[in-house]
Amino acid sequence: HVGQGYEIVVTLPFEKLADVQLDEDLAPRFFEQYESVYGHAHKH
């Protein structure tokens, strides 16, 4: 998340990121993984 000091590693199963929609394809992968570790993701 913007402003955080700790990251999580997210796998990107996309052949070409330029064709990916950030809000629909990539960000949800981060939120899902973040929630599995910390229980809540700050989606805003």
PDB file of all heavy atoms in Angstrom:
ATOM      1  N   HIS A   1       0.851  -1.185   0.000  1.00  0.00           N
ATOM      2  CA  HIS A   1       0.000   0.000   0.000  1.00  0.00           C
ATOM      3  C   HIS A   1       0.891   1.242   0.000  1.00  0.00           C
ATOM      4  O   HIS A   1       1.998   1.222   0.563  1.00  0.00           O
ATOM      5  CB  HIS A   1      -0.881   0.028   1.251  1.00  0.00           C
ATOM      6  CG  HIS A   1      -1.952  -1.032   1.265  1.00  0.00           C
ATOM      7  ND1 HIS A   1      -2.971  -1.064   0.341  1.00  0.00           N
ATOM      8  CD2 HIS A   1      -2.171  -2.074   2.096  1.00  0.00           C
ATOM      9  CE1 HIS A   1      -3.765  -2.083   0.599  1.00  0.00           C
ATOM     10  NE2 HIS A   1      -3.308  -2.719   1.662  1.00  0.00           N
ATOM     11  N   VAL A   2       0.425   2.313  -0.598  1.00  0.00           N
ATOM     12  CA  VAL A   2       1.197   3.557  -0.625  1.00  0.00           C
ATOM     13  C   VAL A   2       1.498   4.009   0.806  1.00  0.00           C
ATOM     14  O   VAL A   2       0.600   4.079   1.653  1.00  0.00           O
ATOM     15  CB  VAL A   2       0.424   4.661  -1.372  1.00  0.00           C
ATOM     16  CG1 VAL A   2       1.128   6.004  -1.224  1.00  0.00           C
ATOM     17  CG2 VAL A   2       0.285   4.291  -2.849  1.00  0.00           C
ATOM     18  N   GLY A   3       2.769   4.265   1.077  1.00  0.00           N
ATOM     19  CA  GLY A   3       3.165   4.736   2.392  1.00  0.00           C
ATOM     20  C   GLY A   3       3.602   3.658   3.351  1.00  0.00           C
ATOM     21  O   GLY A   3       4.146   3.964   4.415  1.00  0.00           O
ATOM     22  N   GLN A   4       3.379   2.396   2.989  1.00  0.00           N
ATOM     23  CA  GLN A   4       3.814   1.317   3.868  1.00  0.00           C
ATOM     24  C   GLN A   4       5.314   1.104   3.760  1.00  0.00           C
ATOM     25  O   GLN A   4       5.951   1.481   2.776  1.00  0.00           O
ATOM     26  CB  GLN A   4       3.096   0.005   3.517  1.00  0.00           C
ATOM     27  CG  GLN A   4       1.702  -0.131   4.102  1.00  0.00           C
ATOM     28  CD  GLN A   4       1.175  -1.530   3.944  1.00  0.00           C
ATOM     29  OE1 GLN A   4       1.354  -2.161   2.913  1.00  0.00           O
ATOM     30  NE2 GLN A   4       0.489  -2.025   4.979  1.00  0.00           N
ATOM     31  N   GLY A   5       5.875   0.447   4.792  1.00  0.00           N
ATOM     32  CA  GLY A   5       7.303   0.153   4.775  1.00  0.00           C
ATOM     33  C   GLY A   5       7.601  -1.312   4.588  1.00  0.00           C
ATOM     34  O   GLY A   5       8.754  -1.732   4.705  1.00  0.00           O
ATOM     35  N   TYR A   6       6.577  -2.122   4.324  1.00  0.00           N
ATOM     36  CA  TYR A   6       6.784  -3.564   4.167  1.00  0.00           C
ATOM     37  C   TYR A   6       5.980  -4.054   2.975  1.00  0.00           C
ATOM     38  O   TYR A   6       4.830  -3.675   2.792  1.00  0.00           O
ATOM     39  CB  TYR A   6       6.341  -4.306   5.433  1.00  0.00           C
ATOM     40  CG  TYR A   6       6.600  -5.786   5.383  1.00  0.00           C
ATOM     41  CD1 TYR A   6       7.880  -6.301   5.573  1.00  0.00           C
ATOM     42  CD2 TYR A   6       5.565  -6.682   5.115  1.00  0.00           C
ATOM     43  CE1 TYR A   6       8.125  -7.657   5.509  1.00  0.00           C
ATOM     44  CE2 TYR A   6       5.794  -8.041   5.051  1.00  0.00           C
ATOM     45  CZ  TYR A   6       7.083  -8.528   5.258  1.00  0.00           C
ATOM     46  OH  TYR A   6       7.332  -9.876   5.185  1.00  0.00           O
ATOM     47  N   GLU A   7       6.591  -4.906   2.160  1.00  0.00           N
ATOM     48  CA  GLU A   7       5.967  -5.376   0.935  1.00  0.00           C
ATOM     49  C   GLU A   7       5.605  -6.853   1.042  1.00  0.00           C
ATOM     50  O   GLU A   7       6.122  -7.572   1.876  1.00  0.00           O
ATOM     51  CB  GLU A   7       6.915  -5.199  -0.262  1.00  0.00           C
ATOM     52  CG  GLU A   7       7.497  -3.819  -0.423  1.00  0.00           C
ATOM     53  CD  GLU A   7       8.711  -3.586   0.464  1.00  0.00           C
ATOM     54  OE1 GLU A   7       9.442  -4.555   0.765  1.00  0.00           O
ATOM     55  OE2 GLU A   7       8.919  -2.437   0.879  1.00  0.00           O
ATOM     56  N   ILE A   8       4.724  -7.295   0.158  1.00  0.00           N
ATOM     57  CA  ILE A   8       4.481  -8.718  -0.031  1.00  0.00           C
ATOM     58  C   ILE A   8       4.773  -9.049  -1.482  1.00  0.00           C
ATOM     59  O   ILE A   8       4.632  -8.214  -2.369  1.00  0.00           O
ATOM     60  CB  ILE A   8       3.039  -9.125   0.343  1.00  0.00           C
ATOM     61  CG1 ILE A   8       2.019  -8.393  -0.536  1.00  0.00           C
ATOM     62  CG2 ILE A   8       2.759  -8.859   1.816  1.00  0.00           C
ATOM     63  CD1 ILE A   8       0.597  -8.909  -0.314  1.00  0.00           C
ATOM     64  N   VAL A   9       5.198 -10.282  -1.726  1.00  0.00           N
ATOM     65  CA  VAL A   9       5.557 -10.706  -3.077  1.00  0.00           C
ATOM     66  C   VAL A   9       4.320 -11.282  -3.759  1.00  0.00           C
ATOM     67  O   VAL A   9       3.693 -12.207  -3.249  1.00  0.00           O
ATOM     68  CB  VAL A   9       6.685 -11.747  -3.038  1.00  0.00           C
ATOM     69  CG1 VAL A   9       7.054 -12.178  -4.462  1.00  0.00           C
ATOM     70  CG2 VAL A   9       7.901 -11.197  -2.314  1.00  0.00           C
ATOM     71  N   VAL A  10       3.980 -10.731  -4.907  1.00  0.00           N
ATOM     72  CA  VAL A  10       2.779 -11.141  -5.645  1.00  0.00           C
ATOM     73  C   VAL A  10       3.192 -11.683  -7.009  1.00  0.00           C
ATOM     74  O   VAL A  10       3.973 -11.054  -7.729  1.00  0.00           O
ATOM     75  CB  VAL A  10       1.813  -9.950  -5.818  1.00  0.00           C
ATOM     76  CG1 VAL A  10       0.587 -10.370  -6.634  1.00  0.00           C
ATOM     77  CG2 VAL A  10       1.393  -9.396  -4.466  1.00  0.00           C
ATOM     78  N   THR A  11       2.685 -12.863  -7.338  1.00  0.00           N
ATOM     79  CA  THR A  11       2.976 -13.463  -8.640  1.00  0.00           C
ATOM     80  C   THR A  11       2.141 -12.781  -9.720  1.00  0.00           C
ATOM     81  O   THR A  11       0.949 -12.495  -9.528  1.00  0.00           O
ATOM     82  CB  THR A  11       2.668 -14.967  -8.616  1.00  0.00           C
ATOM     83  OG1 THR A  11       3.483 -15.590  -7.628  1.00  0.00           O
ATOM     84  CG2 THR A  11       2.943 -15.606  -9.971  1.00  0.00           C
ATOM     85  N   LEU A  12       2.770 -12.522 -10.866  1.00  0.00           N
ATOM     86  CA  LEU A  12       2.103 -11.842 -11.985  1.00  0.00           C
ATOM     87  C   LEU A  12       2.003 -12.813 -13.163  1.00  0.00           C
ATOM     88  O   LEU A  12       2.925 -12.918 -13.980  1.00  0.00           O
ATOM     89  CB  LEU A  12       2.898 -10.594 -12.400  1.00  0.00           C
ATOM     90  CG  LEU A  12       3.215  -9.589 -11.281  1.00  0.00           C
ATOM     91  CD1 LEU A  12       4.055  -8.447 -11.836  1.00  0.00           C
ATOM     92  CD2 LEU A  12       1.926  -9.061 -10.653  1.00  0.00           C
ATOM     93  N   PRO A  13       0.879 -13.532 -13.280  1.00  0.00           N
ATOM     94  CA  PRO A  13       0.748 -14.533 -14.349  1.00  0.00           C
ATOM     95  C   PRO A  13       0.274 -13.914 -15.665  1.00  0.00           C
ATOM     96  O   PRO A  13      -0.623 -14.440 -16.337  1.00  0.00           O
ATOM     97  CB  PRO A  13      -0.309 -15.481 -13.762  1.00  0.00           C
ATOM     98  CG  PRO A  13      -1.195 -14.588 -12.981  1.00  0.00           C
ATOM     99  CD  PRO A  13      -0.304 -13.501 -12.415  1.00  0.00           C
ATOM    100  N   PHE A  14       0.877 -12.795 -16.038  1.00  0.00           N
ATOM    101  CA  PHE A  14       0.458 -12.070 -17.241  1.00  0.00           C
ATOM    102  C   PHE A  14       1.611 -12.047 -18.237  1.00  0.00           C
ATOM    103  O   PHE A  14       2.739 -11.687 -17.893  1.00  0.00           O
ATOM    104  CB  PHE A  14       0.049 -10.638 -16.896  1.00  0.00           C
ATOM    105  CG  PHE A  14      -0.924 -10.539 -15.746  1.00  0.00           C
ATOM    106  CD1 PHE A  14      -0.530  -9.995 -14.537  1.00  0.00           C
ATOM    107  CD2 PHE A  14      -2.222 -11.004 -15.883  1.00  0.00           C
ATOM    108  CE1 PHE A  14      -1.407  -9.892 -13.482  1.00  0.00           C
ATOM    109  CE2 PHE A  14      -3.117 -10.911 -14.825  1.00  0.00           C
ATOM    110  CZ  PHE A  14      -2.710 -10.358 -13.613  1.00  0.00           C
ATOM    111  N   GLU A  15       1.309 -12.427 -19.474  1.00  0.00           N
ATOM    112  CA  GLU A  15       2.350 -12.447 -20.494  1.00  0.00           C
ATOM    113  C   GLU A  15       2.775 -11.039 -20.876  1.00  0.00           C
ATOM    114  O   GLU A  15       3.946 -10.778 -21.136  1.00  0.00           O
ATOM    115  CB  GLU A  15       1.837 -13.202 -21.726  1.00  0.00           C
ATOM    116  CG  GLU A  15       2.910 -13.401 -22.787  1.00  0.00           C
ATOM    117  CD  GLU A  15       2.438 -14.306 -23.902  1.00  0.00           C
ATOM    118  OE1 GLU A  15       1.458 -15.056 -23.698  1.00  0.00           O
ATOM    119  OE2 GLU A  15       3.063 -14.270 -24.980  1.00  0.00           O
ATOM    120  N   LYS A  16       1.802 -10.109 -20.885  1.00  0.00           N
ATOM    121  CA  LYS A  16       2.104  -8.724 -21.239  1.00  0.00           C
ATOM    122  C   LYS A  16       1.316  -7.814 -20.308  1.00  0.00           C
ATOM    123  O   LYS A  16       0.086  -7.737 -20.370  1.00  0.00           O
ATOM    124  CB  LYS A  16       1.741  -8.454 -22.703  1.00  0.00           C
ATOM    125  CG  LYS A  16       2.306  -7.151 -23.236  1.00  0.00           C
ATOM    126  CD  LYS A  16       2.037  -7.013 -24.728  1.00  0.00           C
ATOM    127  CE  LYS A  16       2.648  -5.710 -25.268  1.00  0.00           C
ATOM    128  NZ  LYS A  16       2.365  -5.539 -26.717  1.00  0.00           N
ATOM    129  N   LEU A  17       2.026  -7.103 -19.443  1.00  0.00           N
ATOM    130  CA  LEU A  17       1.369  -6.250 -18.461  1.00  0.00           C
ATOM    131  C   LEU A  17       0.686  -5.043 -19.107  1.00  0.00           C
ATOM    132  O   LEU A  17      -0.272  -4.502 -18.545  1.00  0.00           O
ATOM    133  CB  LEU A  17       2.388  -5.770 -17.421  1.00  0.00           C
ATOM    134  CG  LEU A  17       2.862  -6.843 -16.431  1.00  0.00           C
ATOM    135  CD1 LEU A  17       4.056  -6.342 -15.634  1.00  0.00           C
ATOM    136  CD2 LEU A  17       1.733  -7.245 -15.491  1.00  0.00           C
ATOM    137  N   ALA A  18       1.162  -4.633 -20.251  1.00  0.00           N
ATOM    138  CA  ALA A  18       0.570  -3.476 -20.925  1.00  0.00           C
ATOM    139  C   ALA A  18      -0.891  -3.728 -21.294  1.00  0.00           C
ATOM    140  O   ALA A  18      -1.677  -2.782 -21.442  1.00  0.00           O
ATOM    141  CB  ALA A  18       1.368  -3.121 -22.182  1.00  0.00           C
ATOM    142  N   ASP A  19      -1.276  -5.014 -21.439  1.00  0.00           N
ATOM    143  CA  ASP A  19      -2.649  -5.359 -21.787  1.00  0.00           C
ATOM    144  C   ASP A  19      -3.519  -5.634 -20.560  1.00  0.00           C
ATOM    145  O   ASP A  19      -4.699  -5.972 -20.689  1.00  0.00           O
ATOM    146  CB  ASP A  19      -2.663  -6.599 -22.693  1.00  0.00           C
ATOM    147  CG  ASP A  19      -1.936  -6.348 -24.014  1.00  0.00           C
ATOM    148  OD1 ASP A  19      -1.869  -5.179 -24.424  1.00  0.00           O
ATOM    149  OD2 ASP A  19      -1.426  -7.330 -24.589  1.00  0.00           O
ATOM    150  N   VAL A  20      -2.925  -5.491 -19.376  1.00  0.00           N
ATOM    151  CA  VAL A  20      -3.638  -5.804 -18.125  1.00  0.00           C
ATOM    152  C   VAL A  20      -4.297  -4.552 -17.572  1.00  0.00           C
ATOM    153  O   VAL A  20      -3.739  -3.451 -17.628  1.00  0.00           O
ATOM    154  CB  VAL A  20      -2.648  -6.387 -17.089  1.00  0.00           C
ATOM    155  CG1 VAL A  20      -3.301  -6.501 -15.713  1.00  0.00           C
ATOM    156  CG2 VAL A  20      -2.138  -7.746 -17.553  1.00  0.00           C
ATOM    157  N   GLN A  21      -5.501  -4.729 -17.010  1.00  0.00           N
ATOM    158  CA  GLN A  21      -6.174  -3.635 -16.329  1.00  0.00           C
ATOM    159  C   GLN A  21      -5.788  -3.666 -14.857  1.00  0.00           C
ATOM    160  O   GLN A  21      -6.033  -4.649 -14.167  1.00  0.00           O
ATOM    161  CB  GLN A  21      -7.693  -3.758 -16.482  1.00  0.00           C
ATOM    162  CG  GLN A  21      -8.193  -3.577 -17.899  1.00  0.00           C
ATOM    163  CD  GLN A  21      -7.837  -2.199 -18.448  1.00  0.00           C
ATOM    164  OE1 GLN A  21      -8.065  -1.172 -17.796  1.00  0.00           O
ATOM    165  NE2 GLN A  21      -7.266  -2.186 -19.655  1.00  0.00           N
ATOM    166  N   LEU A  22      -5.168  -2.580 -14.411  1.00  0.00           N
ATOM    167  CA  LEU A  22      -4.653  -2.536 -13.051  1.00  0.00           C
ATOM    168  C   LEU A  22      -5.749  -2.798 -12.012  1.00  0.00           C
ATOM    169  O   LEU A  22      -5.592  -3.647 -11.123  1.00  0.00           O
ATOM    170  CB  LEU A  22      -3.994  -1.180 -12.791  1.00  0.00           C
ATOM    171  CG  LEU A  22      -3.491  -0.931 -11.362  1.00  0.00           C
ATOM    172  CD1 LEU A  22      -2.429  -1.940 -10.987  1.00  0.00           C
ATOM    173  CD2 LEU A  22      -2.959   0.491 -11.228  1.00  0.00           C
ATOM    174  N   ASP A  23      -6.861  -2.075 -12.106  1.00  0.00           N
ATOM    175  CA  ASP A  23      -7.907  -2.171 -11.089  1.00  0.00           C
ATOM    176  C   ASP A  23      -8.695  -3.467 -11.169  1.00  0.00           C
ATOM    177  O   ASP A  23      -9.258  -3.913 -10.164  1.00  0.00           O
ATOM    178  CB  ASP A  23      -8.864  -0.983 -11.206  1.00  0.00           C
ATOM    179  CG  ASP A  23      -8.184   0.345 -10.883  1.00  0.00           C
ATOM    180  OD1 ASP A  23      -7.194   0.313 -10.131  1.00  0.00           O
ATOM    181  OD2 ASP A  23      -8.636   1.389 -11.396  1.00  0.00           O
ATOM    182  N   GLU A  24      -8.743  -4.095 -12.331  1.00  0.00           N
ATOM    183  CA  GLU A  24      -9.577  -5.281 -12.497  1.00  0.00           C
ATOM    184  C   GLU A  24      -8.776  -6.581 -12.410  1.00  0.00           C
ATOM    185  O   GLU A  24      -9.320  -7.617 -11.991  1.00  0.00           O
ATOM    186  CB  GLU A  24     -10.300  -5.223 -13.843  1.00  0.00           C
ATOM    187  CG  GLU A  24     -11.254  -4.038 -13.966  1.00  0.00           C
ATOM    188  CD  GLU A  24     -11.873  -3.954 -15.348  1.00  0.00           C
ATOM    189  OE1 GLU A  24     -11.684  -4.914 -16.128  1.00  0.00           O
ATOM    190  OE2 GLU A  24     -12.534  -2.944 -15.656  1.00  0.00           O
ATOM    191  N   ASP A  25      -7.512  -6.552 -12.798  1.00  0.00           N
ATOM    192  CA  ASP A  25      -6.731  -7.791 -12.891  1.00  0.00           C
ATOM    193  C   ASP A  25      -5.595  -7.880 -11.869  1.00  0.00           C
ATOM    194  O   ASP A  25      -5.436  -8.898 -11.197  1.00  0.00           O
ATOM    195  CB  ASP A  25      -6.139  -7.930 -14.306  1.00  0.00           C
ATOM    196  CG  ASP A  25      -7.212  -7.923 -15.374  1.00  0.00           C
ATOM    197  OD1 ASP A  25      -8.250  -8.576 -15.162  1.00  0.00           O
ATOM    198  OD2 ASP A  25      -7.013  -7.259 -16.406  1.00  0.00           O
ATOM    199  N   LEU A  26      -4.815  -6.815 -11.745  1.00  0.00           N
ATOM    200  CA  LEU A  26      -3.614  -6.889 -10.922  1.00  0.00           C
ATOM    201  C   LEU A  26      -3.878  -6.553  -9.457  1.00  0.00           C
ATOM    202  O   LEU A  26      -3.502  -7.307  -8.552  1.00  0.00           O
ATOM    203  CB  LEU A  26      -2.533  -5.967 -11.495  1.00  0.00           C
ATOM    204  CG  LEU A  26      -1.082  -6.266 -11.105  1.00  0.00           C
ATOM    205  CD1 LEU A  26      -0.119  -5.652 -12.101  1.00  0.00           C
ATOM    206  CD2 LEU A  26      -0.748  -5.780  -9.710  1.00  0.00           C
ATOM    207  N   ALA A  27      -4.533  -5.425  -9.202  1.00  0.00           N
ATOM    208  CA  ALA A  27      -4.778  -5.003  -7.817  1.00  0.00           C
ATOM    209  C   ALA A  27      -5.543  -6.050  -7.010  1.00  0.00           C
ATOM    210  O   ALA A  27      -5.200  -6.300  -5.844  1.00  0.00           O
ATOM    211  CB  ALA A  27      -5.505  -3.659  -7.790  1.00  0.00           C
ATOM    212  N   PRO A  28      -6.578  -6.697  -7.564  1.00  0.00           N
ATOM    213  CA  PRO A  28      -7.288  -7.725  -6.788  1.00  0.00           C
ATOM    214  C   PRO A  28      -6.389  -8.868  -6.330  1.00  0.00           C
ATOM    215  O   PRO A  28      -6.619  -9.451  -5.269  1.00  0.00           O
ATOM    216  CB  PRO A  28      -8.366  -8.223  -7.762  1.00  0.00           C
ATOM    217  CG  PRO A  28      -8.624  -7.046  -8.651  1.00  0.00           C
ATOM    218  CD  PRO A  28      -7.282  -6.409  -8.827  1.00  0.00           C
ATOM    219  N   ARG A  29      -5.358  -9.210  -7.111  1.00  0.00           N
ATOM    220  CA  ARG A  29      -4.431 -10.262  -6.701  1.00  0.00           C
ATOM    221  C   ARG A  29      -3.667  -9.832  -5.451  1.00  0.00           C
ATOM    222  O   ARG A  29      -3.435 -10.630  -4.535  1.00  0.00           O
ATOM    223  CB  ARG A  29      -3.450 -10.588  -7.834  1.00  0.00           C
ATOM    224  CG  ARG A  29      -4.095 -11.148  -9.082  1.00  0.00           C
ATOM    225  CD  ARG A  29      -3.048 -11.554 -10.099  1.00  0.00           C
ATOM    226  NE  ARG A  29      -2.214 -12.635  -9.603  1.00  0.00           N
ATOM    227  CZ  ARG A  29      -2.508 -13.924  -9.665  1.00  0.00           C
ATOM    228  NH1 ARG A  29      -3.658 -14.308 -10.211  1.00  0.00           N
ATOM    229  NH2 ARG A  29      -1.699 -14.840  -9.195  1.00  0.00           N
ATOM    230  N   PHE A  30      -3.266  -8.573  -5.421  1.00  0.00           N
ATOM    231  CA  PHE A  30      -2.576  -8.054  -4.240  1.00  0.00           C
ATOM    232  C   PHE A  30      -3.502  -8.064  -3.026  1.00  0.00           C
ATOM    233  O   PHE A  30      -3.136  -8.525  -1.944  1.00  0.00           O
ATOM    234  CB  PHE A  30      -2.058  -6.640  -4.502  1.00  0.00           C
ATOM    235  CG  PHE A  30      -1.547  -5.948  -3.264  1.00  0.00           C
ATOM    236  CD1 PHE A  30      -0.255  -6.173  -2.804  1.00  0.00           C
ATOM    237  CD2 PHE A  30      -2.373  -5.084  -2.549  1.00  0.00           C
ATOM    238  CE1 PHE A  30       0.209  -5.535  -1.656  1.00  0.00           C
ATOM    239  CE2 PHE A  30      -1.912  -4.444  -1.405  1.00  0.00           C
ATOM    240  CZ  PHE A  30      -0.619  -4.673  -0.960  1.00  0.00           C
ATOM    241  N   PHE A  31      -4.717  -7.544  -3.199  1.00  0.00           N
ATOM    242  CA  PHE A  31      -5.654  -7.456  -2.071  1.00  0.00           C
ATOM    243  C   PHE A  31      -5.983  -8.845  -1.513  1.00  0.00           C
ATOM    244  O   PHE A  31      -6.069  -9.037  -0.302  1.00  0.00           O
ATOM    245  CB  PHE A  31      -6.936  -6.745  -2.494  1.00  0.00           C
ATOM    246  CG  PHE A  31      -6.734  -5.300  -2.854  1.00  0.00           C
ATOM    247  CD1 PHE A  31      -7.356  -4.745  -3.964  1.00  0.00           C
ATOM    248  CD2 PHE A  31      -5.912  -4.489  -2.072  1.00  0.00           C
ATOM    249  CE1 PHE A  31      -7.171  -3.410  -4.287  1.00  0.00           C
ATOM    250  CE2 PHE A  31      -5.732  -3.147  -2.399  1.00  0.00           C
ATOM    251  CZ  PHE A  31      -6.358  -2.613  -3.505  1.00  0.00           C
ATOM    252  N   GLU A  32      -6.167  -9.808  -2.394  1.00  0.00           N
ATOM    253  CA  GLU A  32      -6.496 -11.162  -1.950  1.00  0.00           C
ATOM    254  C   GLU A  32      -5.362 -11.756  -1.118  1.00  0.00           C
ATOM    255  O   GLU A  32      -5.584 -12.354  -0.062  1.00  0.00           O
ATOM    256  CB  GLU A  32      -6.782 -12.055  -3.158  1.00  0.00           C
ATOM    257  CG  GLU A  32      -7.124 -13.490  -2.784  1.00  0.00           C
ATOM    258  CD  GLU A  32      -7.357 -14.368  -4.011  1.00  0.00           C
ATOM    259  OE1 GLU A  32      -7.238 -13.850  -5.149  1.00  0.00           O
ATOM    260  OE2 GLU A  32      -7.637 -15.558  -3.831  1.00  0.00           O
ATOM    261  N   GLN A  33      -4.141 -11.583  -1.593  1.00  0.00           N
ATOM    262  CA  GLN A  33      -2.994 -12.121  -0.865  1.00  0.00           C
ATOM    263  C   GLN A  33      -2.758 -11.361   0.433  1.00  0.00           C
ATOM    264  O   GLN A  33      -2.417 -11.944   1.459  1.00  0.00           O
ATOM    265  CB  GLN A  33      -1.742 -12.063  -1.743  1.00  0.00           C
ATOM    266  CG  GLN A  33      -0.547 -12.793  -1.151  1.00  0.00           C
ATOM    267  CD  GLN A  33       0.567 -12.974  -2.175  1.00  0.00           C
ATOM    268  OE1 GLN A  33       0.300 -13.065  -3.378  1.00  0.00           O
ATOM    269  NE2 GLN A  33       1.797 -13.037  -1.705  1.00  0.00           N
ATOM    270  N   TYR A  34      -2.945 -10.061   0.395  1.00  0.00           N
ATOM    271  CA  TYR A  34      -2.760  -9.231   1.591  1.00  0.00           C
ATOM    272  C   TYR A  34      -3.767  -9.629   2.671  1.00  0.00           C
ATOM    273  O   TYR A  34      -3.417  -9.744   3.858  1.00  0.00           O
ATOM    274  CB  TYR A  34      -2.919  -7.760   1.224  1.00  0.00           C
ATOM    275  CG  TYR A  34      -2.418  -6.790   2.274  1.00  0.00           C
ATOM    276  CD1 TYR A  34      -1.119  -6.293   2.217  1.00  0.00           C
ATOM    277  CD2 TYR A  34      -3.233  -6.369   3.325  1.00  0.00           C
ATOM    278  CE1 TYR A  34      -0.647  -5.402   3.178  1.00  0.00           C
ATOM    279  CE2 TYR A  34      -2.784  -5.485   4.287  1.00  0.00           C
ATOM    280  CZ  TYR A  34      -1.480  -5.003   4.208  1.00  0.00           C
ATOM    281  OH  TYR A  34      -1.012  -4.126   5.165  1.00  0.00           O
ATOM    282  N   GLU A  35      -5.012  -9.866   2.264  1.00  0.00           N
ATOM    283  CA  GLU A  35      -6.041 -10.262   3.219  1.00  0.00           C
ATOM    284  C   GLU A  35      -5.764 -11.634   3.811  1.00  0.00           C
ATOM    285  O   GLU A  35      -6.056 -11.888   4.986  1.00  0.00           O
ATOM    286  CB  GLU A  35      -7.415 -10.252   2.539  1.00  0.00           C
ATOM    287  CG  GLU A  35      -7.961  -8.859   2.276  1.00  0.00           C
ATOM    288  CD  GLU A  35      -9.309  -8.895   1.573  1.00  0.00           C
ATOM    289  OE1 GLU A  35      -9.659  -9.968   1.027  1.00  0.00           O
ATOM    290  OE2 GLU A  35     -10.006  -7.869   1.568  1.00  0.00           O
ATOM    291  N   SER A  36      -5.193 -12.544   3.020  1.00  0.00           N
ATOM    292  CA  SER A  36      -4.905 -13.887   3.535  1.00  0.00           C
ATOM    293  C   SER A  36      -3.838 -13.853   4.620  1.00  0.00           C
ATOM    294  O   SER A  36      -3.811 -14.716   5.497  1.00  0.00           O
ATOM    295  CB  SER A  36      -4.452 -14.803   2.385  1.00  0.00           C
ATOM    296  OG  SER A  36      -3.163 -14.441   1.913  1.00  0.00           O
ATOM    297  N   VAL A  37      -2.963 -12.844   4.572  1.00  0.00           N
ATOM    298  CA  VAL A  37      -1.896 -12.728   5.569  1.00  0.00           C
ATOM    299  C   VAL A  37      -2.328 -11.877   6.755  1.00  0.00           C
ATOM    300  O   VAL A  37      -2.120 -12.249   7.915  1.00  0.00           O
ATOM    301  CB  VAL A  37      -0.624 -12.131   4.927  1.00  0.00           C
ATOM    302  CG1 VAL A  37       0.463 -11.933   5.991  1.00  0.00           C
ATOM    303  CG2 VAL A  37      -0.111 -13.040   3.824  1.00  0.00           C
ATOM    304  N   TYR A  38      -2.955 -10.730   6.472  1.00  0.00           N
ATOM    305  CA  TYR A  38      -3.252  -9.757   7.530  1.00  0.00           C
ATOM    306  C   TYR A  38      -4.731  -9.663   7.892  1.00  0.00           C
ATOM    307  O   TYR A  38      -5.091  -8.983   8.849  1.00  0.00           O
ATOM    308  CB  TYR A  38      -2.739  -8.378   7.129  1.00  0.00           C
ATOM    309  CG  TYR A  38      -1.249  -8.335   6.931  1.00  0.00           C
ATOM    310  CD1 TYR A  38      -0.701  -8.234   5.656  1.00  0.00           C
ATOM    311  CD2 TYR A  38      -0.374  -8.422   8.011  1.00  0.00           C
ATOM    312  CE1 TYR A  38       0.675  -8.200   5.455  1.00  0.00           C
ATOM    313  CE2 TYR A  38       0.994  -8.396   7.830  1.00  0.00           C
ATOM    314  CZ  TYR A  38       1.516  -8.284   6.549  1.00  0.00           C
ATOM    315  OH  TYR A  38       2.877  -8.264   6.358  1.00  0.00           O
ATOM    316  N   GLY A  39      -5.599 -10.302   7.122  1.00  0.00           N
ATOM    317  CA  GLY A  39      -7.018 -10.297   7.451  1.00  0.00           C
ATOM    318  C   GLY A  39      -7.807  -9.144   6.865  1.00  0.00           C
ATOM    319  O   GLY A  39      -9.038  -9.174   6.833  1.00  0.00           O
ATOM    320  N   HIS A  40      -7.136  -8.103   6.411  1.00  0.00           N
ATOM    321  CA  HIS A  40      -7.848  -6.939   5.857  1.00  0.00           C
ATOM    322  C   HIS A  40      -6.920  -6.177   4.928  1.00  0.00           C
ATOM    323  O   HIS A  40      -5.726  -6.006   5.208  1.00  0.00           O
ATOM    324  CB  HIS A  40      -8.318  -6.013   6.985  1.00  0.00           C
ATOM    325  CG  HIS A  40      -8.976  -4.759   6.487  1.00  0.00           C
ATOM    326  ND1 HIS A  40     -10.239  -4.764   5.914  1.00  0.00           N
ATOM    327  CD2 HIS A  40      -8.539  -3.466   6.465  1.00  0.00           C
ATOM    328  CE1 HIS A  40     -10.550  -3.522   5.560  1.00  0.00           C
ATOM    329  NE2 HIS A  40      -9.549  -2.719   5.883  1.00  0.00           N
ATOM    330  N   ALA A  41      -7.459  -5.753   3.813  1.00  0.00           N
ATOM    331  CA  ALA A  41      -6.701  -4.946   2.851  1.00  0.00           C
ATOM    332  C   ALA A  41      -7.363  -3.581   2.715  1.00  0.00           C
ATOM    333  O   ALA A  41      -8.592  -3.477   2.711  1.00  0.00           O
ATOM    334  CB  ALA A  41      -6.638  -5.628   1.489  1.00  0.00           C
ATOM    335  N   HIS A  42      -6.542  -2.541   2.609  1.00  0.00           N
ATOM    336  CA  HIS A  42      -7.055  -1.172   2.488  1.00  0.00           C
ATOM    337  C   HIS A  42      -7.259  -0.860   1.000  1.00  0.00           C
ATOM    338  O   HIS A  42      -6.420  -0.238   0.350  1.00  0.00           O
ATOM    339  CB  HIS A  42      -6.065  -0.189   3.122  1.00  0.00           C
ATOM    340  CG  HIS A  42      -5.737  -0.538   4.543  1.00  0.00           C
ATOM    341  ND1 HIS A  42      -6.549  -0.221   5.601  1.00  0.00           N
ATOM    342  CD2 HIS A  42      -4.687  -1.207   5.063  1.00  0.00           C
ATOM    343  CE1 HIS A  42      -6.011  -0.654   6.726  1.00  0.00           C
ATOM    344  NE2 HIS A  42      -4.883  -1.265   6.432  1.00  0.00           N
ATOM    345  N   LYS A  43      -8.399  -1.272   0.478  1.00  0.00           N
ATOM    346  CA  LYS A  43      -8.629  -1.204  -0.959  1.00  0.00           C
ATOM    347  C   LYS A  43      -8.814   0.219  -1.470  1.00  0.00           C
ATOM    348  O   LYS A  43      -8.791   0.451  -2.677  1.00  0.00           O
ATOM    349  CB  LYS A  43      -9.845  -2.064  -1.332  1.00  0.00           C
ATOM    350  CG  LYS A  43      -9.636  -3.539  -1.002  1.00  0.00           C
ATOM    351  CD  LYS A  43     -10.830  -4.380  -1.410  1.00  0.00           C
ATOM    352  CE  LYS A  43     -10.596  -5.843  -1.072  1.00  0.00           C
ATOM    353  NZ  LYS A  43     -11.733  -6.704  -1.446  1.00  0.00           N
ATOM    354  N   HIS A  44      -8.980   1.162  -0.558  1.00  0.00           N
ATOM    355  CA  HIS A  44      -9.125   2.557  -0.990  1.00  0.00           C
ATOM    356  C   HIS A  44      -7.765   3.220  -1.230  1.00  0.00           C
ATOM    357  O   HIS A  44      -7.694   4.323  -1.770  1.00  0.00           O
ATOM    358  CB  HIS A  44      -9.887   3.350   0.070  1.00  0.00           C
ATOM    359  CG  HIS A  44      -9.183   3.424   1.395  1.00  0.00           C
ATOM    360  ND1 HIS A  44      -9.118   2.335   2.257  1.00  0.00           N
ATOM    361  CD2 HIS A  44      -8.505   4.435   1.999  1.00  0.00           C
ATOM    362  CE1 HIS A  44      -8.449   2.693   3.333  1.00  0.00           C
ATOM    363  NE2 HIS A  44      -8.057   3.948   3.199  1.00  0.00           N
TER     364      HIS A  44
END
